[in-house]
C-alpha atoms as a PDB file:
ATOM      1  CA  MET A   1     112.836 -23.481 110.013  1.00  0.00           C
ATOM      2  CA  SER A   2     110.000 -25.721 111.410  1.00  0.00           C
ATOM      3  CA  SER A   3     106.969 -26.608 109.093  1.00  0.00           C
ATOM      4  CA  LYS A   4     104.467 -24.329 111.109  1.00  0.00           C
ATOM      5  CA  THR A   5     106.789 -21.242 110.681  1.00  0.00           C
ATOM      6  CA  ALA A   6     107.191 -22.025 106.907  1.00  0.00           C
ATOM      7  CA  ASP A   7     103.384 -22.285 106.745  1.00  0.00           C
ATOM      8  CA  LYS A   8     102.577 -18.882 108.284  1.00  0.00           C
ATOM      9  CA  SER A   9     105.396 -17.316 106.428  1.00  0.00           C
ATOM     10  CA  ASP A  10     103.755 -18.619 103.032  1.00  0.00           C
ATOM     11  CA  ALA A  11     100.252 -17.333 104.088  1.00  0.00           C
ATOM     12  CA  ARG A  12     101.535 -14.019 104.904  1.00  0.00           C
ATOM     13  CA  ARG A  13     103.212 -13.541 101.621  1.00  0.00           C
ATOM     14  CA  ALA A  14     100.082 -14.863  99.787  1.00  0.00           C
ATOM     15  CA  LEU A  15      97.936 -12.303 101.715  1.00  0.00           C
ATOM     16  CA  ARG A  16     100.421  -9.483 100.801  1.00  0.00           C
ATOM     17  CA  GLU A  17     100.193 -10.443  97.048  1.00  0.00           C
ATOM     18  CA  LYS A  18      96.645 -10.699  97.078  1.00  0.00           C
ATOM     19  CA  ARG A  19      96.341  -7.039  98.728  1.00  0.00           C
ATOM     20  CA  ILE A  20      98.626  -5.872  96.279  1.00  0.00           C
ATOM     21  CA  LYS A  21      96.592  -6.986  93.315  1.00  0.00           C
ATOM     22  CA  GLN A  22      93.299  -5.592  94.804  1.00  0.00           C
ATOM     23  CA  GLN A  23      95.240  -2.161  95.139  1.00  0.00           C
ATOM     24  CA  LYS A  24      96.522  -2.246  91.398  1.00  0.00           C
ATOM     25  CA  ARG A  25      92.822  -3.065  90.418  1.00  0.00           C
ATOM     26  CA  GLN A  26      91.346  -0.152  92.620  1.00  0.00           C
ATOM     27  CA  ASP A  27      93.967   1.961  90.933  1.00  0.00           C
ATOM     28  CA  ALA A  28      93.121   1.079  87.349  1.00  0.00           C
ATOM     29  CA  LEU A  29      89.479   1.369  88.166  1.00  0.00           C
ATOM     30  CA  ARG A  30      90.074   4.898  89.600  1.00  0.00           C
ATOM     31  CA  LYS A  31      92.054   5.862  86.338  1.00  0.00           C
ATOM     32  CA  LEU A  32      88.961   4.651  84.186  1.00  0.00           C
ATOM     33  CA  ARG A  33      86.387   6.355  86.188  1.00  0.00           C
ATOM     34  CA  ALA A  34      88.354   9.791  86.286  1.00  0.00           C
ATOM     35  CA  PRO A  35      87.787  10.737  82.571  1.00  0.00           C
ATOM     36  CA  LEU A  36      84.206   9.620  82.724  1.00  0.00           C
ATOM     37  CA  ILE A  37      83.695  11.804  85.598  1.00  0.00           C
ATOM     38  CA  VAL A  38      85.136  14.736  83.869  1.00  0.00           C
ATOM     39  CA  VAL A  39      83.059  13.993  80.794  1.00  0.00           C
ATOM     40  CA  VAL A  40      79.859  13.934  82.760  1.00  0.00           C
ATOM     41  CA  VAL A  41      80.734  17.104  84.817  1.00  0.00           C
ATOM     42  CA  ILE A  42      81.414  18.974  81.419  1.00  0.00           C
ATOM     43  CA  ALA A  43      78.157  17.766  80.022  1.00  0.00           C
ATOM     44  CA  VAL A  44      76.392  19.093  83.015  1.00  0.00           C
ATOM     45  CA  VAL A  45      78.089  22.400  82.762  1.00  0.00           C
ATOM     46  CA  VAL A  46      77.433  22.761  79.124  1.00  0.00           C
ATOM     47  CA  GLY A  47      73.702  22.056  79.466  1.00  0.00           C
ATOM     48  CA  VAL A  48      73.526  24.564  82.510  1.00  0.00           C
ATOM     49  CA  PHE A  49      75.109  27.280  80.236  1.00  0.00           C
ATOM     50  CA  VAL A  50      72.971  26.697  77.251  1.00  0.00           C
ATOM     51  CA  ALA A  51      69.897  26.717  79.438  1.00  0.00           C
ATOM     52  CA  VAL A  52      70.930  29.928  81.242  1.00  0.00           C
ATOM     53  CA  ASN A  53      71.937  31.680  78.037  1.00  0.00           C
ATOM     54  CA  THR A  54      68.555  30.677  76.405  1.00  0.00           C
ATOM     55  CA  SER A  55      66.837  31.868  79.275  1.00  0.00           C
ATOM     56  CA  ARG A  56      68.799  34.933  79.211  1.00  0.00           C
ATOM     57  CA  SER A  57      68.107  35.776  75.535  1.00  0.00           C
ATOM     58  CA  ASN A  58      64.438  35.513  76.100  1.00  0.00           C
ATOM     59  CA  SER A  59      64.543  37.514  79.083  1.00  0.00           C
ATOM     60  CA  ALA A  60      66.876  40.318  77.594  1.00  0.00           C
ATOM     61  CA  THR A  61      64.386  40.630  74.778  1.00  0.00           C
ATOM     62  CA  ALA A  62      61.044  42.472  75.602  1.00  0.00           C
ATOM     63  CA  LEU A  63      58.093  40.326  74.317  1.00  0.00           C
ATOM     64  CA  PRO A  64      54.727  41.636  73.414  1.00  0.00           C
ATOM     65  CA  ALA A  65      51.684  40.335  75.717  1.00  0.00           C
ATOM     66  CA  GLY A  66      50.825  36.774  75.500  1.00  0.00           C
ATOM     67  CA  VAL A  67      53.936  35.916  73.368  1.00  0.00           C
ATOM     68  CA  PRO A  68      56.186  33.536  75.289  1.00  0.00           C
ATOM     69  CA  THR A  69      59.233  33.516  73.130  1.00  0.00           C
ATOM     70  CA  VAL A  70      60.648  35.437  70.017  1.00  0.00           C
ATOM     71  CA  ALA A  71      60.024  32.353  67.827  1.00  0.00           C
ATOM     72  CA  ALA A  72      56.570  31.382  68.904  1.00  0.00           C
ATOM     73  CA  GLY A  73      54.693  34.072  66.966  1.00  0.00           C
ATOM     74  CA  ILE A  74      51.695  36.531  67.981  1.00  0.00           C
ATOM     75  CA  PRO A  75      48.731  34.209  68.886  1.00  0.00           C
ATOM     76  CA  GLU A  76      45.227  34.467  67.625  1.00  0.00           C
ATOM     77  CA  GLY A  77      42.495  32.274  68.998  1.00  0.00           C
ATOM     78  CA  ALA A  78      42.472  30.343  72.351  1.00  0.00           C
ATOM     79  CA  ALA A  79      40.373  27.221  70.946  1.00  0.00           C
ATOM     80  CA  THR A  80      42.076  23.636  71.366  1.00  0.00           C
ATOM     81  CA  GLY A  81      41.691  20.330  69.312  1.00  0.00           C
ATOM     82  CA  VAL A  82      41.468  22.680  65.955  1.00  0.00           C
ATOM     83  CA  PRO A  83      43.698  23.124  63.069  1.00  0.00           C
ATOM     84  CA  HIS A  84      46.677  25.703  63.615  1.00  0.00           C
ATOM     85  CA  LEU A  85      48.389  28.079  60.821  1.00  0.00           C
ATOM     86  CA  ASP A  86      51.815  29.733  61.232  1.00  0.00           C
ATOM     87  CA  ILE A  87      51.717  32.705  59.120  1.00  0.00           C
ATOM     88  CA  TYR A  88      55.058  34.249  58.223  1.00  0.00           C
ATOM     89  CA  GLU A  89      54.533  37.593  56.634  1.00  0.00           C
ATOM     90  CA  ASP A  90      56.331  40.855  56.102  1.00  0.00           C
ATOM     91  CA  PHE A  91      54.028  44.044  56.238  1.00  0.00           C
ATOM     92  CA  ALA A  92      55.966  45.428  53.329  1.00  0.00           C
ATOM     93  CA  CYS A  93      55.411  42.341  51.159  1.00  0.00           C
ATOM     94  CA  PRO A  94      52.955  42.964  48.256  1.00  0.00           C
ATOM     95  CA  ILE A  95      52.067  39.050  48.028  1.00  0.00           C
ATOM     96  CA  CYS A  96      51.335  39.134  51.614  1.00  0.00           C
ATOM     97  CA  LYS A  97      49.097  41.975  51.174  1.00  0.00           C
ATOM     98  CA  GLN A  98      47.454  40.012  48.376  1.00  0.00           C
ATOM     99  CA  VAL A  99      46.986  36.815  50.437  1.00  0.00           C
ATOM    100  CA  GLU A 100      45.334  38.749  53.402  1.00  0.00           C
ATOM    101  CA  ALA A 101      43.014  40.590  51.023  1.00  0.00           C
ATOM    102  CA  ALA A 102      41.813  37.318  49.716  1.00  0.00           C
ATOM    103  CA  GLN A 103      41.915  35.164  52.719  1.00  0.00           C
ATOM    104  CA  ASN A 104      41.964  37.240  56.019  1.00  0.00           C
ATOM    105  CA  THR A 105      38.293  37.606  56.943  1.00  0.00           C
ATOM    106  CA  GLY A 106      37.626  34.019  56.248  1.00  0.00           C
ATOM    107  CA  LEU A 107      40.414  33.235  58.649  1.00  0.00           C
ATOM    108  CA  GLU A 108      39.077  35.572  61.218  1.00  0.00           C
ATOM    109  CA  GLN A 109      35.777  34.244  61.041  1.00  0.00           C
ATOM    110  CA  MET A 110      37.131  30.729  61.725  1.00  0.00           C
ATOM    111  CA  VAL A 111      39.323  32.006  64.566  1.00  0.00           C
ATOM    112  CA  ASP A 112      36.243  33.658  66.071  1.00  0.00           C
ATOM    113  CA  ALA A 113      34.102  30.753  65.544  1.00  0.00           C
ATOM    114  CA  GLY A 114      36.710  28.592  67.750  1.00  0.00           C
ATOM    115  CA  LYS A 115      37.562  26.518  64.333  1.00  0.00           C
ATOM    116  CA  LEU A 116      41.087  27.617  64.042  1.00  0.00           C
ATOM    117  CA  THR A 117      44.041  29.107  65.858  1.00  0.00           C
ATOM    118  CA  ILE A 118      46.739  31.136  64.242  1.00  0.00           C
ATOM    119  CA  SER A 119      50.290  32.192  65.281  1.00  0.00           C
ATOM    120  CA  TYR A 120      51.561  35.297  63.140  1.00  0.00           C
ATOM    121  CA  HIS A 121      55.129  35.237  62.690  1.00  0.00           C
ATOM    122  CA  LEU A 122      56.752  38.917  61.844  1.00  0.00           C
ATOM    123  CA  MET A 123      59.321  39.051  59.083  1.00  0.00           C
ATOM    124  CA  THR A 124      61.441  42.302  58.766  1.00  0.00           C
ATOM    125  CA  PHE A 125      63.502  41.667  55.679  1.00  0.00           C
ATOM    126  CA  VAL A 126      61.439  43.015  52.619  1.00  0.00           C
ATOM    127  CA  SER A 127      61.906  46.600  52.986  1.00  0.00           C
ATOM    128  CA  GLN A 128      65.786  46.197  53.593  1.00  0.00           C
ATOM    129  CA  ASN A 129      65.790  45.642  49.699  1.00  0.00           C
ATOM    130  CA  PHE A 130      65.003  49.414  49.426  1.00  0.00           C
ATOM    131  CA  GLY A 131      67.431  50.516  52.031  1.00  0.00           C
ATOM    132  CA  SER A 132      64.578  50.928  54.826  1.00  0.00           C
ATOM    133  CA  ASP A 133      63.769  49.750  58.254  1.00  0.00           C
ATOM    134  CA  TYR A 134      60.142  50.126  57.668  1.00  0.00           C
ATOM    135  CA  SER A 135      59.490  46.490  57.905  1.00  0.00           C
ATOM    136  CA  ALA A 136      61.046  45.998  61.443  1.00  0.00           C
ATOM    137  CA  ARG A 137      59.329  49.368  62.576  1.00  0.00           C
ATOM    138  CA  ALA A 138      55.998  48.082  61.447  1.00  0.00           C
ATOM    139  CA  ALA A 139      56.582  44.622  63.165  1.00  0.00           C
ATOM    140  CA  ALA A 140      57.478  46.401  66.354  1.00  0.00           C
ATOM    141  CA  ALA A 141      54.570  48.733  66.232  1.00  0.00           C
ATOM    142  CA  ALA A 142      52.535  45.533  65.722  1.00  0.00           C
ATOM    143  CA  GLY A 143      53.984  44.216  69.078  1.00  0.00           C
ATOM    144  CA  CYS A 144      52.556  47.329  70.528  1.00  0.00           C
ATOM    145  CA  ALA A 145      49.320  46.836  69.504  1.00  0.00           C
ATOM    146  CA  GLN A 146      49.487  43.236  70.997  1.00  0.00           C
ATOM    147  CA  ASP A 147      50.001  44.778  74.155  1.00  0.00           C
ATOM    148  CA  GLN A 148      46.534  46.542  73.967  1.00  0.00           C
ATOM    149  CA  GLY A 149      44.792  43.250  72.487  1.00  0.00           C
ATOM    150  CA  LYS A 150      44.306  45.076  69.313  1.00  0.00           C
ATOM    151  CA  TYR A 151      46.822  43.231  67.199  1.00  0.00           C
ATOM    152  CA  ARG A 152      44.530  42.047  64.496  1.00  0.00           C
ATOM    153  CA  ALA A 153      42.817  45.540  64.030  1.00  0.00           C
ATOM    154  CA  TYR A 154      46.422  47.047  63.767  1.00  0.00           C
ATOM    155  CA  HIS A 155      47.860  44.092  61.386  1.00  0.00           C
ATOM    156  CA  ASP A 156      44.769  45.123  58.970  1.00  0.00           C
ATOM    157  CA  ALA A 157      45.574  48.776  59.167  1.00  0.00           C
ATOM    158  CA  LEU A 158      49.428  48.269  58.310  1.00  0.00           C
ATOM    159  CA  PHE A 159      48.592  45.973  55.112  1.00  0.00           C
ATOM    160  CA  ALA A 160      45.967  48.858  54.303  1.00  0.00           C
ATOM    161  CA  HIS A 161      48.599  51.286  54.352  1.00  0.00           C
ATOM    162  CA  GLN A 162      51.259  49.391  52.755  1.00  0.00           C
ATOM    163  CA  PRO A 163      53.737  51.509  50.900  1.00  0.00           C
ATOM    164  CA  PRO A 164      53.934  50.720  47.162  1.00  0.00           C
ATOM    165  CA  GLU A 165      57.416  49.063  46.094  1.00  0.00           C
ATOM    166  CA  PRO A 166      59.580  51.918  44.229  1.00  0.00           C
ATOM    167  CA  THR A 167      59.704  51.586  40.333  1.00  0.00           C
ATOM    168  CA  GLY A 168      62.306  53.102  37.991  1.00  0.00           C
ATOM    169  CA  SER A 169      64.089  56.029  39.731  1.00  0.00           C
ATOM    170  CA  GLY A 170      61.156  56.350  42.206  1.00  0.00           C
ATOM    171  CA  ALA A 171      62.135  56.553  46.000  1.00  0.00           C
ATOM    172  CA  TYR A 172      60.901  54.308  48.575  1.00  0.00           C
ATOM    173  CA  GLN A 173      58.319  56.266  50.804  1.00  0.00           C
ATOM    174  CA  PRO A 174      57.348  54.296  53.706  1.00  0.00           C
ATOM    175  CA  PRO A 175      55.247  55.423  56.608  1.00  0.00           C
ATOM    176  CA  SER A 176      57.101  57.197  59.348  1.00  0.00           C
ATOM    177  CA  ASN A 177      56.819  56.381  63.126  1.00  0.00           C
ATOM    178  CA  ALA A 178      54.297  59.377  63.283  1.00  0.00           C
ATOM    179  CA  ASP A 179      52.348  57.778  60.447  1.00  0.00           C
ATOM    180  CA  LEU A 180      52.385  54.200  62.440  1.00  0.00           C
ATOM    181  CA  ILE A 181      51.014  56.002  65.521  1.00  0.00           C
ATOM    182  CA  GLY A 182      48.279  57.737  63.278  1.00  0.00           C
ATOM    183  CA  PHE A 183      47.063  54.193  62.214  1.00  0.00           C
ATOM    184  CA  ALA A 184      46.404  53.507  65.873  1.00  0.00           C
ATOM    185  CA  GLY A 185      43.309  55.622  66.531  1.00  0.00           C
ATOM    186  CA  PRO A 186      41.215  54.129  63.773  1.00  0.00           C
ATOM    187  CA  ALA A 187      42.184  50.671  64.876  1.00  0.00           C
ATOM    188  CA  GLY A 188      40.817  51.329  68.532  1.00  0.00           C
ATOM    189  CA  LEU A 189      44.156  51.698  70.439  1.00  0.00           C
ATOM    190  CA  ASP A 190      45.112  54.208  73.139  1.00  0.00           C
ATOM    191  CA  GLN A 191      47.239  56.430  70.795  1.00  0.00           C
ATOM    192  CA  ALA A 192      49.130  58.158  73.634  1.00  0.00           C
ATOM    193  CA  ALA A 193      50.369  54.726  75.108  1.00  0.00           C
ATOM    194  CA  PHE A 194      50.652  53.289  71.814  1.00  0.00           C
ATOM    195  CA  GLY A 195      52.965  56.307  70.533  1.00  0.00           C
ATOM    196  CA  THR A 196      55.149  55.811  73.605  1.00  0.00           C
ATOM    197  CA  CYS A 197      55.704  52.246  72.741  1.00  0.00           C
ATOM    198  CA  VAL A 198      56.499  53.047  69.314  1.00  0.00           C
ATOM    199  CA  ASN A 199      58.790  55.804  69.869  1.00  0.00           C
ATOM    200  CA  LYS A 200      60.920  53.994  72.276  1.00  0.00           C
ATOM    201  CA  GLY A 201      61.189  51.089  70.087  1.00  0.00           C
ATOM    202  CA  THR A 202      60.194  48.746  72.674  1.00  0.00           C
ATOM    203  CA  TYR A 203      59.851  45.780  70.510  1.00  0.00           C
ATOM    204  CA  LEU A 204      62.473  46.473  67.722  1.00  0.00           C
ATOM    205  CA  LYS A 205      64.687  43.643  69.010  1.00  0.00           C
ATOM    206  CA  PHE A 206      61.811  41.476  69.414  1.00  0.00           C
ATOM    207  CA  ALA A 207      61.093  42.084  65.605  1.00  0.00           C
ATOM    208  CA  THR A 208      64.637  41.512  64.471  1.00  0.00           C
ATOM    209  CA  LYS A 209      64.999  38.145  66.590  1.00  0.00           C
ATOM    210  CA  ALA A 210      61.522  37.071  65.372  1.00  0.00           C
ATOM    211  CA  ASN A 211      62.647  37.593  61.880  1.00  0.00           C
ATOM    212  CA  ASP A 212      65.905  35.772  62.339  1.00  0.00           C
ATOM    213  CA  ALA A 213      63.957  32.829  64.006  1.00  0.00           C
ATOM    214  CA  GLY A 214      61.469  32.794  61.009  1.00  0.00           C
ATOM    215  CA  GLN A 215      64.179  32.831  58.487  1.00  0.00           C
ATOM    216  CA  SER A 216      65.567  29.552  60.046  1.00  0.00           C
ATOM    217  CA  VAL A 217      62.231  28.051  59.721  1.00  0.00           C
ATOM    218  CA  MET A 218      61.736  29.082  56.120  1.00  0.00           C
ATOM    219  CA  LEU A 219      65.145  27.469  55.159  1.00  0.00           C
ATOM    220  CA  LYS A 220      64.355  24.184  57.028  1.00  0.00           C
ATOM    221  CA  LYS A 221      60.839  24.165  55.511  1.00  0.00           C
ATOM    222  CA  THR A 222      61.558  25.417  51.960  1.00  0.00           C
ATOM    223  CA  GLY A 223      65.167  25.895  51.637  1.00  0.00           C
ATOM    224  CA  GLN A 224      64.516  29.586  50.811  1.00  0.00           C
ATOM    225  CA  VAL A 225      63.624  32.838  52.449  1.00  0.00           C
ATOM    226  CA  ALA A 226      60.569  34.311  50.943  1.00  0.00           C
ATOM    227  CA  THR A 227      57.133  35.608  52.079  1.00  0.00           C
ATOM    228  CA  PRO A 228      54.570  34.741  52.538  1.00  0.00           C
ATOM    229  CA  MET A 229      54.959  31.106  54.144  1.00  0.00           C
ATOM    230  CA  ILE A 230      52.057  29.600  55.635  1.00  0.00           C
ATOM    231  CA  LEU A 231      52.103  26.096  57.570  1.00  0.00           C
ATOM    232  CA  LEU A 232      49.160  24.270  58.187  1.00  0.00           C
ATOM    233  CA  ASN A 233      49.554  22.169  61.639  1.00  0.00           C
ATOM    234  CA  GLY A 234      53.244  22.381  60.764  1.00  0.00           C
ATOM    235  CA  ASN A 235      53.334  21.543  57.229  1.00  0.00           C
ATOM    236  CA  VAL A 236      53.960  23.993  54.295  1.00  0.00           C
ATOM    237  CA  THR A 237      50.492  24.810  52.357  1.00  0.00           C
ATOM    238  CA  ARG A 238      49.843  26.817  49.304  1.00  0.00           C
ATOM    239  CA  ASP A 239      46.084  26.418  49.450  1.00  0.00           C
ATOM    240  CA  TYR A 240      46.004  29.943  50.354  1.00  0.00           C
ATOM    241  CA  SER A 241      46.333  30.748  46.581  1.00  0.00           C
ATOM    242  CA  GLY A 242      42.920  29.212  45.870  1.00  0.00           C
ATOM    243  CA  THR A 243      39.517  30.743  46.902  1.00  0.00           C
ATOM    244  CA  PRO A 244      38.757  31.317  50.512  1.00  0.00           C
ATOM    245  CA  GLU A 245      36.210  28.531  50.516  1.00  0.00           C
ATOM    246  CA  ALA A 246      38.741  25.848  49.285  1.00  0.00           C
ATOM    247  CA  PHE A 247      41.395  27.362  51.702  1.00  0.00           C
ATOM    248  CA  GLN A 248      38.962  27.019  54.537  1.00  0.00           C
ATOM    249  CA  ALA A 249      38.003  23.521  53.528  1.00  0.00           C
ATOM    250  CA  ALA A 250      41.694  22.393  53.405  1.00  0.00           C
ATOM    251  CA  ILE A 251      42.271  23.781  56.779  1.00  0.00           C
ATOM    252  CA  THR A 252      39.093  21.809  58.310  1.00  0.00           C
ATOM    253  CA  ALA A 253      40.266  18.571  56.428  1.00  0.00           C
ATOM    254  CA  ALA A 254      43.621  18.857  58.016  1.00  0.00           C
ATOM    255  CA  GLY A 255      42.244  18.035  61.411  1.00  0.00           C
ATOM    256  CA  PRO A 256      43.452  19.288  64.905  1.00  0.00           C
ATOM    257  CA  ALA A 257      47.017  20.388  65.139  1.00  0.00           C
ATOM    258  CA  LYS A 258      49.163  17.823  67.004  1.00  0.00           C
END
């Protein structure tokens, strides 16, 4: 074999070996990339699944007017750059009634003056202690009142008509749906439309889910489920146990919600 032929043969052999090595490297890279692609695809699919199901959860639950999600609460006040209260209360809770009696007027005045906003989170577990669904029915009825822009007035009426807790062998005697509808007239609602909303149980599912969301927040913030719980700019406050003047001063001192 001539020297030139040997050189050509060696060159072809070297080129084949180079191509073989390149092919092996490409195969190895494909094997490494495949699991990564699968992981990314799974992550995207899971993210879409969660987003879709969250959307379906909210869309499947009828929400009162102005309430964006079950966890958002019923809003009072539209001012910006002011303190914000999240009030977690149950219409069957005696202590909630006491706090409302002491603080409600002052808080409403602050809202009307554009100095405060409030989100009311409806809890529904207190009456369950007495084998009753009243807390849920009252919360659902409050949602019906919100549809007519009368949440505040009906909220006050519900606390004014709160049934006493049973003592001894006494039975718990909460208001019926007919009673709930009867409270609507003096509160300035269209009683016929309100009655339809209540009797259909339009917001019972909302009330149940709002309660579940509220309990999750309570456990996170305080480690227990108990009403009332009030958050001032997202932080637990017990200043509501003082005088109205002291509570309002604490709210103002907290500054705007972030």
